[in-house]
Amino acid sequence: MASIDNEERLRCSSPTCGYVYWNNPTPVVAAIVECEDGVVLARNKSWPEGMFSIITGFLEKGETPEHCAVREVKEELDLDGIVKQFVGYYCFFEMNQLILAFHVRGSGTIELGEELAEYKLVPKDKLRPWAFGTGLAVRDWLETNKPS
């Protein structure tokens, strides 16, 4: 351990090694996928029954957040996606993540990827945000996309 920038941080103990473990947040991209019949909510195979969220994935090296959103929609739902809008960024301290959320218009027929157990389509007027993580992005998206 060493005090760096007034924080105790893990670092290599060898005097010739300058490695410091910063433990910075991991960038995660979230996609609010809107299709003809509603917004896609999915359940990861590792989650309990009844727990659904929007599509998320880790930003990869050399990838833009927009490309990540479209890639994750293709990998997880087999839909072609078009980024329509950046929704916002959200600190998810519990998982040490920074979420970058996008509204993505999806087209095609949903075929679940290997990480997902099930999905449901929720009409936009029935979609309700949850109070943490990606739910905050859903809240903001619904607020800025109210019918006129």
C-alpha atoms as a PDB file:
ATOM      1  CA  MET A   1       0.000   0.000   0.000  1.00  0.00           C
ATOM      2  CA  ALA A   2       1.067   3.559  -0.636  1.00  0.00           C
ATOM      3  CA  SER A   3      -0.494   6.953  -0.116  1.00  0.00           C
ATOM      4  CA  ILE A   4      -0.993   8.473  -3.578  1.00  0.00           C
ATOM      5  CA  ASP A   5      -3.136  11.555  -4.164  1.00  0.00           C
ATOM      6  CA  ASN A   6      -4.234  11.378  -0.505  1.00  0.00           C
ATOM      7  CA  GLU A   7      -5.664   7.874  -1.032  1.00  0.00           C
ATOM      8  CA  GLU A   8      -4.335   4.524   0.111  1.00  0.00           C
ATOM      9  CA  ARG A   9      -3.709   2.516  -3.047  1.00  0.00           C
ATOM     10  CA  LEU A  10      -2.307  -0.910  -3.798  1.00  0.00           C
ATOM     11  CA  ARG A  11       1.029  -0.781  -5.543  1.00  0.00           C
ATOM     12  CA  CYS A  12       3.833  -3.094  -6.447  1.00  0.00           C
ATOM     13  CA  SER A  13       6.278  -3.518  -3.563  1.00  0.00           C
ATOM     14  CA  SER A  14       9.367  -3.814  -5.766  1.00  0.00           C
ATOM     15  CA  PRO A  15      11.428  -0.611  -5.895  1.00  0.00           C
ATOM     16  CA  THR A  16      11.871  -1.055  -9.675  1.00  0.00           C
ATOM     17  CA  CYS A  17       8.159  -1.462 -10.366  1.00  0.00           C
ATOM     18  CA  GLY A  18       5.914   1.569 -10.668  1.00  0.00           C
ATOM     19  CA  TYR A  19       2.606  -0.286 -10.973  1.00  0.00           C
ATOM     20  CA  VAL A  20      -0.317   1.210  -9.043  1.00  0.00           C
ATOM     21  CA  TYR A  21      -3.751  -0.425  -8.857  1.00  0.00           C
ATOM     22  CA  TRP A  22      -6.033   2.566  -9.350  1.00  0.00           C
ATOM     23  CA  ASN A  23      -9.331   0.642  -9.254  1.00  0.00           C
ATOM     24  CA  ASN A  24     -10.950   3.096 -11.660  1.00  0.00           C
ATOM     25  CA  PRO A  25     -14.585   2.542 -12.681  1.00  0.00           C
ATOM     26  CA  THR A  26     -15.203   0.235 -15.621  1.00  0.00           C
ATOM     27  CA  PRO A  27     -17.083   1.792 -18.557  1.00  0.00           C
ATOM     28  CA  VAL A  28     -20.333  -0.023 -19.306  1.00  0.00           C
ATOM     29  CA  VAL A  29     -22.602   0.844 -22.209  1.00  0.00           C
ATOM     30  CA  ALA A  30     -26.367   0.507 -21.819  1.00  0.00           C
ATOM     31  CA  ALA A  31     -28.886   0.377 -24.648  1.00  0.00           C
ATOM     32  CA  ILE A  32     -32.545   1.255 -24.240  1.00  0.00           C
ATOM     33  CA  VAL A  33     -33.687  -0.832 -27.202  1.00  0.00           C
ATOM     34  CA  GLU A  34     -36.944   0.355 -28.707  1.00  0.00           C
ATOM     35  CA  CYS A  35     -38.665  -1.866 -31.248  1.00  0.00           C
ATOM     36  CA  GLU A  36     -42.045  -1.619 -32.956  1.00  0.00           C
ATOM     37  CA  ASP A  37     -43.816  -3.374 -30.084  1.00  0.00           C
ATOM     38  CA  GLY A  38     -42.057  -1.678 -27.177  1.00  0.00           C
ATOM     39  CA  VAL A  39     -38.834  -1.507 -25.199  1.00  0.00           C
ATOM     40  CA  VAL A  40     -36.822  -4.690 -24.725  1.00  0.00           C
ATOM     41  CA  LEU A  41     -36.076  -5.750 -21.165  1.00  0.00           C
ATOM     42  CA  ALA A  42     -33.968  -8.872 -20.704  1.00  0.00           C
ATOM     43  CA  ARG A  43     -32.974 -11.220 -17.894  1.00  0.00           C
ATOM     44  CA  ASN A  44     -29.399 -12.389 -17.650  1.00  0.00           C
ATOM     45  CA  LYS A  45     -29.058 -16.134 -16.976  1.00  0.00           C
ATOM     46  CA  SER A  46     -27.315 -15.424 -13.680  1.00  0.00           C
ATOM     47  CA  TRP A  47     -30.119 -13.191 -12.353  1.00  0.00           C
ATOM     48  CA  PRO A  48     -33.099 -14.303 -10.287  1.00  0.00           C
ATOM     49  CA  GLU A  49     -36.465 -14.936 -11.909  1.00  0.00           C
ATOM     50  CA  GLY A  50     -38.380 -11.714 -12.502  1.00  0.00           C
ATOM     51  CA  MET A  51     -35.297  -9.457 -12.632  1.00  0.00           C
ATOM     52  CA  PHE A  52     -35.067  -7.612 -15.954  1.00  0.00           C
ATOM     53  CA  SER A  53     -33.035  -4.699 -17.267  1.00  0.00           C
ATOM     54  CA  ILE A  54     -32.009  -2.991 -20.462  1.00  0.00           C
ATOM     55  CA  ILE A  55     -29.139  -4.348 -22.571  1.00  0.00           C
ATOM     56  CA  THR A  56     -25.637  -3.651 -21.253  1.00  0.00           C
ATOM     57  CA  GLY A  57     -22.074  -4.581 -22.051  1.00  0.00           C
ATOM     58  CA  PHE A  58     -18.493  -3.611 -21.399  1.00  0.00           C
ATOM     59  CA  LEU A  59     -16.811  -1.092 -23.655  1.00  0.00           C
ATOM     60  CA  GLU A  60     -13.941  -2.806 -25.449  1.00  0.00           C
ATOM     61  CA  LYS A  61     -10.521  -1.431 -26.335  1.00  0.00           C
ATOM     62  CA  GLY A  62     -10.619   0.711 -29.495  1.00  0.00           C
ATOM     63  CA  GLU A  63     -14.419   0.813 -29.557  1.00  0.00           C
ATOM     64  CA  THR A  64     -16.645   3.881 -29.371  1.00  0.00           C
ATOM     65  CA  PRO A  65     -19.549   3.768 -26.915  1.00  0.00           C
ATOM     66  CA  GLU A  66     -22.004   4.040 -29.841  1.00  0.00           C
ATOM     67  CA  HIS A  67     -20.424   1.051 -31.588  1.00  0.00           C
ATOM     68  CA  CYS A  68     -20.521  -0.894 -28.317  1.00  0.00           C
ATOM     69  CA  ALA A  69     -24.249  -0.207 -27.941  1.00  0.00           C
ATOM     70  CA  VAL A  70     -24.985  -1.496 -31.450  1.00  0.00           C
ATOM     71  CA  ARG A  71     -22.652  -4.494 -30.991  1.00  0.00           C
ATOM     72  CA  GLU A  72     -24.287  -5.505 -27.704  1.00  0.00           C
ATOM     73  CA  VAL A  73     -27.774  -5.247 -29.213  1.00  0.00           C
ATOM     74  CA  LYS A  74     -26.643  -7.555 -32.032  1.00  0.00           C
ATOM     75  CA  GLU A  75     -24.865 -10.017 -29.699  1.00  0.00           C
ATOM     76  CA  GLU A  76     -27.600 -10.195 -27.074  1.00  0.00           C
ATOM     77  CA  LEU A  77     -30.764  -9.849 -29.178  1.00  0.00           C
ATOM     78  CA  ASP A  78     -29.627 -10.431 -32.783  1.00  0.00           C
ATOM     79  CA  LEU A  79     -31.232  -7.107 -33.719  1.00  0.00           C
ATOM     80  CA  ASP A  80     -29.795  -4.492 -36.017  1.00  0.00           C
ATOM     81  CA  GLY A  81     -29.502  -1.280 -34.067  1.00  0.00           C
ATOM     82  CA  ILE A  82     -29.229   2.398 -34.836  1.00  0.00           C
ATOM     83  CA  VAL A  83     -28.203   4.801 -32.079  1.00  0.00           C
ATOM     84  CA  LYS A  84     -30.846   7.511 -31.906  1.00  0.00           C
ATOM     85  CA  GLN A  85     -29.705   9.494 -28.886  1.00  0.00           C
ATOM     86  CA  PHE A  86     -27.192   9.650 -26.048  1.00  0.00           C
ATOM     87  CA  VAL A  87     -29.286   9.506 -22.872  1.00  0.00           C
ATOM     88  CA  GLY A  88     -26.634  10.239 -20.254  1.00  0.00           C
ATOM     89  CA  TYR A  89     -23.949   8.894 -17.964  1.00  0.00           C
ATOM     90  CA  TYR A  90     -24.606   7.312 -14.575  1.00  0.00           C
ATOM     91  CA  CYS A  91     -22.274   6.360 -11.740  1.00  0.00           C
ATOM     92  CA  PHE A  92     -23.030   2.863 -10.503  1.00  0.00           C
ATOM     93  CA  PHE A  93     -20.871   2.875  -7.388  1.00  0.00           C
ATOM     94  CA  GLU A  94     -22.053  -0.550  -6.173  1.00  0.00           C
ATOM     95  CA  MET A  95     -20.354  -2.212  -9.162  1.00  0.00           C
ATOM     96  CA  ASN A  96     -17.604   0.417  -9.644  1.00  0.00           C
ATOM     97  CA  GLN A  97     -18.957   1.195 -13.113  1.00  0.00           C
ATOM     98  CA  LEU A  98     -19.656   4.253 -15.200  1.00  0.00           C
ATOM     99  CA  ILE A  99     -22.725   3.601 -17.363  1.00  0.00           C
ATOM    100  CA  LEU A 100     -23.023   5.370 -20.722  1.00  0.00           C
ATOM    101  CA  ALA A 101     -26.632   5.021 -21.860  1.00  0.00           C
ATOM    102  CA  PHE A 102     -28.041   5.270 -25.373  1.00  0.00           C
ATOM    103  CA  HIS A 103     -31.454   4.996 -26.990  1.00  0.00           C
ATOM    104  CA  VAL A 104     -31.152   2.414 -29.780  1.00  0.00           C
ATOM    105  CA  ARG A 105     -33.798   1.666 -32.388  1.00  0.00           C
ATOM    106  CA  GLY A 106     -33.787  -2.102 -32.998  1.00  0.00           C
ATOM    107  CA  SER A 107     -35.051  -3.964 -36.026  1.00  0.00           C
ATOM    108  CA  GLY A 108     -35.300  -7.630 -36.920  1.00  0.00           C
ATOM    109  CA  THR A 109     -36.421 -10.709 -35.023  1.00  0.00           C
ATOM    110  CA  ILE A 110     -35.186 -11.197 -31.476  1.00  0.00           C
ATOM    111  CA  GLU A 111     -32.979 -14.249 -30.936  1.00  0.00           C
ATOM    112  CA  LEU A 112     -31.453 -14.352 -27.468  1.00  0.00           C
ATOM    113  CA  GLY A 113     -27.678 -14.506 -27.111  1.00  0.00           C
ATOM    114  CA  GLU A 114     -25.936 -16.963 -24.801  1.00  0.00           C
ATOM    115  CA  GLU A 115     -25.962 -14.651 -21.738  1.00  0.00           C
ATOM    116  CA  LEU A 116     -29.731 -14.078 -21.656  1.00  0.00           C
ATOM    117  CA  ALA A 117     -32.461 -16.325 -20.269  1.00  0.00           C
ATOM    118  CA  GLU A 118     -35.534 -14.423 -21.450  1.00  0.00           C
ATOM    119  CA  TYR A 119     -36.871 -11.090 -22.597  1.00  0.00           C
ATOM    120  CA  LYS A 120     -40.066  -9.126 -22.627  1.00  0.00           C
ATOM    121  CA  LEU A 121     -41.329  -6.208 -24.686  1.00  0.00           C
ATOM    122  CA  VAL A 122     -42.816  -3.433 -22.602  1.00  0.00           C
ATOM    123  CA  PRO A 123     -44.917  -0.727 -24.275  1.00  0.00           C
ATOM    124  CA  LYS A 124     -43.259   2.635 -23.730  1.00  0.00           C
ATOM    125  CA  ASP A 125     -46.278   3.966 -21.819  1.00  0.00           C
ATOM    126  CA  LYS A 126     -46.083   0.982 -19.424  1.00  0.00           C
ATOM    127  CA  LEU A 127     -42.308   1.131 -18.862  1.00  0.00           C
ATOM    128  CA  ARG A 128     -41.378   2.082 -15.297  1.00  0.00           C
ATOM    129  CA  PRO A 129     -37.826   2.975 -14.243  1.00  0.00           C
ATOM    130  CA  TRP A 130     -36.097   1.447 -11.229  1.00  0.00           C
ATOM    131  CA  ALA A 131     -34.182   3.482  -8.654  1.00  0.00           C
ATOM    132  CA  PHE A 132     -30.569   2.490  -9.401  1.00  0.00           C
ATOM    133  CA  GLY A 133     -28.085   1.756 -12.191  1.00  0.00           C
ATOM    134  CA  THR A 134     -29.654   1.578 -15.633  1.00  0.00           C
ATOM    135  CA  GLY A 135     -33.078   2.446 -14.203  1.00  0.00           C
ATOM    136  CA  LEU A 136     -31.902   6.041 -13.906  1.00  0.00           C
ATOM    137  CA  ALA A 137     -31.215   6.086 -17.647  1.00  0.00           C
ATOM    138  CA  VAL A 138     -34.695   4.696 -18.332  1.00  0.00           C
ATOM    139  CA  ARG A 139     -36.147   7.447 -16.120  1.00  0.00           C
ATOM    140  CA  ASP A 140     -34.289  10.193 -17.986  1.00  0.00           C
ATOM    141  CA  TRP A 141     -35.117   8.740 -21.402  1.00  0.00           C
ATOM    142  CA  LEU A 142     -38.814   8.531 -20.580  1.00  0.00           C
ATOM    143  CA  GLU A 143     -38.751  12.113 -19.270  1.00  0.00           C
ATOM    144  CA  THR A 144     -37.159  13.507 -22.426  1.00  0.00           C
ATOM    145  CA  ASN A 145     -39.247  11.396 -24.810  1.00  0.00           C
ATOM    146  CA  LYS A 146     -42.766  12.067 -23.583  1.00  0.00           C
ATOM    147  CA  PRO A 147     -45.460  12.125 -26.264  1.00  0.00           C
ATOM    148  CA  SER A 148     -46.315  15.693 -27.246  1.00  0.00           C
END
